[in-house]
């Protein structure tokens, strides 16, 4: 029975699962988005969000706690230098999962997991849409004044 077991084991032994999640979290921090299956994306989200929360406060203790999980100096440095400054004012929800469809080979549900603040397309503060509504033009302002000539060209006939 699996009473009270809340996380997905992903069909792997404990050591393999921890190593896989650490590698995926390092890739997510380094590349800002990765493509994987939906189940792994949900597992990585649960794994990486507490680490990002710890990175908001740059102390030696927090760095050691994060390094114990990630096992990569480069990823820890990137997390505490770049990522933490972007998410400093965000109260949570640092990642986004977007479903992509099914994989060709085995029909697995695929998803893209990305860091929310590093996506320029979806971020509401940067790149606001320009207002495309235009005011109606009045006829007098758009029409060029027509020159009325006093000379009749028909008189030459």
Protein backbone atom coordinates (compact mmCIF):
# COMPACT_ATOMS: atom_id res chain seq x y z
CA UNK A 1 0.00 0.00 0.00
CA UNK A 2 1.13 3.56 -0.65
CA UNK A 3 -0.69 5.42 2.12
CA UNK A 4 0.77 8.86 2.77
CA UNK A 5 3.32 8.70 -0.03
CA UNK A 6 2.81 11.99 -1.79
CA UNK A 7 5.51 12.26 -4.45
CA UNK A 8 5.92 10.43 -7.73
CA UNK A 9 8.64 7.78 -7.69
CA UNK A 10 8.91 7.98 -11.51
CA UNK A 11 9.64 4.25 -11.79
CA UNK A 12 13.16 4.64 -10.38
CA UNK A 13 15.10 3.75 -7.26
CA UNK A 14 15.81 6.53 -4.78
CA UNK A 15 19.41 7.28 -5.80
CA UNK A 16 18.55 7.34 -9.51
CA UNK A 17 15.54 9.58 -8.93
CA UNK A 18 17.52 12.08 -6.81
CA UNK A 19 20.34 12.23 -9.35
CA UNK A 20 17.90 12.68 -12.24
CA UNK A 21 16.00 15.49 -10.49
CA UNK A 22 19.26 17.23 -9.56
CA UNK A 23 20.47 17.05 -13.17
CA UNK A 24 17.15 18.30 -14.53
CA UNK A 25 17.09 21.16 -12.01
CA UNK A 26 20.65 22.15 -13.00
CA UNK A 27 19.64 22.13 -16.66
CA UNK A 28 16.57 24.22 -15.88
CA UNK A 29 18.64 26.80 -14.02
CA UNK A 30 21.28 26.90 -16.74
CA UNK A 31 19.03 26.97 -19.83
CA UNK A 32 15.92 28.58 -18.21
CA UNK A 33 13.62 26.01 -19.90
CA UNK A 34 13.70 22.30 -20.67
CA UNK A 35 11.46 19.83 -22.49
CA UNK A 36 10.53 16.65 -20.64
CA UNK A 37 7.54 14.48 -19.81
CA UNK A 38 4.67 15.94 -17.79
CA UNK A 39 5.34 13.66 -14.78
CA UNK A 40 9.02 14.61 -14.65
CA UNK A 41 8.17 18.30 -15.09
CA UNK A 42 5.83 18.16 -12.09
CA UNK A 43 8.49 16.39 -10.05
CA UNK A 44 11.15 18.94 -11.03
CA UNK A 45 8.78 21.77 -10.12
CA UNK A 46 8.40 20.38 -6.59
CA UNK A 47 12.17 19.87 -6.40
CA UNK A 48 13.39 23.25 -7.67
CA UNK A 49 10.91 25.77 -6.24
CA UNK A 50 12.09 25.43 -2.60
CA UNK A 51 15.67 25.83 -3.83
CA UNK A 52 14.77 29.07 -5.63
CA UNK A 53 13.08 30.31 -2.45
CA UNK A 54 16.28 29.57 -0.50
CA UNK A 55 18.33 31.47 -3.09
CA UNK A 56 16.50 34.72 -2.31
CA UNK A 57 18.56 35.06 0.87
CA UNK A 58 22.24 34.70 -0.01
CA UNK A 59 23.83 33.14 3.05
CA UNK A 60 26.52 30.48 3.32
CA UNK A 61 24.06 28.16 5.00
CA UNK A 62 21.52 28.49 2.17
CA UNK A 63 24.23 27.98 -0.45
CA UNK A 64 25.30 24.76 1.28
CA UNK A 65 21.73 23.51 1.53
CA UNK A 66 21.14 24.17 -2.17
CA UNK A 67 24.48 22.65 -3.17
CA UNK A 68 23.60 19.48 -1.23
CA UNK A 69 20.57 19.06 -3.51
CA UNK A 70 21.93 20.33 -6.85
CA UNK A 71 25.52 18.98 -6.68
CA UNK A 72 26.77 21.54 -9.20
CA UNK A 73 28.82 24.63 -8.33
CA UNK A 74 27.96 26.34 -11.62
CA UNK A 75 24.22 25.86 -11.13
CA UNK A 76 24.38 27.14 -7.54
CA UNK A 77 26.35 30.22 -8.63
CA UNK A 78 23.90 30.94 -11.46
CA UNK A 79 20.94 30.43 -9.13
CA UNK A 80 22.20 32.79 -6.45
CA UNK A 81 23.56 35.42 -8.88
CA UNK A 82 21.06 35.70 -11.76
CA UNK A 83 17.88 33.84 -10.89
CA UNK A 84 17.51 35.14 -7.33
CA UNK A 85 17.72 38.76 -8.47
CA UNK A 86 14.91 38.24 -10.99
CA UNK A 87 12.57 36.48 -8.56
CA UNK A 88 13.29 38.67 -5.54
CA UNK A 89 9.82 40.26 -5.46
CA UNK A 90 7.85 37.15 -6.49
CA UNK A 91 6.16 35.34 -3.56
CA UNK A 92 6.23 31.92 -5.24
CA UNK A 93 5.36 30.16 -8.47
CA UNK A 94 8.76 30.48 -10.11
CA UNK A 95 8.17 27.86 -12.80
CA UNK A 96 5.56 27.29 -15.48
CA UNK A 97 4.62 23.99 -17.13
CA UNK A 98 3.30 24.16 -20.70
CA UNK A 99 2.00 20.94 -22.23
CA UNK A 100 3.35 20.26 -25.72
CA UNK A 101 1.49 17.16 -26.89
CA UNK A 102 2.61 13.59 -27.27
CA UNK A 103 6.07 12.27 -28.15
CA UNK A 104 6.31 10.51 -31.48
CA UNK A 105 8.11 7.34 -30.37
CA UNK A 106 6.14 6.21 -27.33
CA UNK A 107 3.22 8.67 -27.20
CA UNK A 108 4.33 10.08 -23.82
CA UNK A 109 2.79 13.38 -22.70
CA UNK A 110 5.46 16.03 -23.20
CA UNK A 111 5.78 19.39 -21.47
CA UNK A 112 8.09 22.36 -21.31
CA UNK A 113 9.02 23.64 -17.86
CA UNK A 114 10.48 27.13 -17.71
CA UNK A 115 11.39 29.82 -15.24
CA UNK A 116 8.58 32.39 -15.35
CA UNK A 117 10.67 35.56 -15.05
CA UNK A 118 13.01 34.63 -17.90
CA UNK A 119 10.32 34.40 -20.58
CA UNK A 120 9.96 37.67 -22.49
CA UNK A 121 6.80 36.58 -24.32
CA UNK A 122 4.60 36.00 -21.26
CA UNK A 123 6.09 38.52 -18.81
CA UNK A 124 3.51 41.26 -18.19
CA UNK A 125 5.91 44.05 -17.07
CA UNK A 126 8.29 43.99 -20.02
CA UNK A 127 7.15 44.55 -23.57
CA UNK A 128 3.66 45.85 -22.94
CA UNK A 129 1.45 45.87 -26.00
CA UNK A 130 1.11 49.15 -27.78
CA UNK A 131 -2.42 50.46 -27.97
CA UNK A 132 -3.55 49.86 -31.55
CA UNK A 133 -6.80 51.82 -31.38
CA UNK A 134 -6.77 54.91 -33.49
CA UNK A 135 -9.09 57.85 -33.39
CA UNK A 136 -11.42 58.48 -36.28
CA UNK A 137 -10.35 61.12 -38.68
CA UNK A 138 -12.70 63.83 -39.66
CA UNK A 139 -13.31 64.43 -43.34
CA UNK A 140 -12.05 67.99 -43.26
CA UNK A 141 -8.70 67.05 -41.81
CA UNK A 142 -8.01 64.09 -44.12
CA UNK A 143 -9.20 65.50 -47.40
CA UNK A 144 -6.70 67.76 -49.07
CA UNK A 145 -8.15 71.11 -50.06
CA UNK A 146 -9.23 71.00 -53.67
CA UNK A 147 -7.92 73.84 -55.76
CA UNK A 148 -10.59 75.52 -57.75
CA UNK A 149 -9.27 77.02 -60.88
CA UNK A 150 -10.98 80.01 -62.36
CA UNK A 151 -9.70 79.19 -65.81
CA UNK A 152 -12.00 76.97 -67.83
CA UNK A 153 -10.17 74.59 -70.10
CA UNK A 154 -13.27 74.20 -72.22
CA UNK A 155 -13.01 77.78 -73.44
CA UNK A 156 -10.16 76.92 -75.78
CA UNK A 157 -12.41 74.89 -78.04
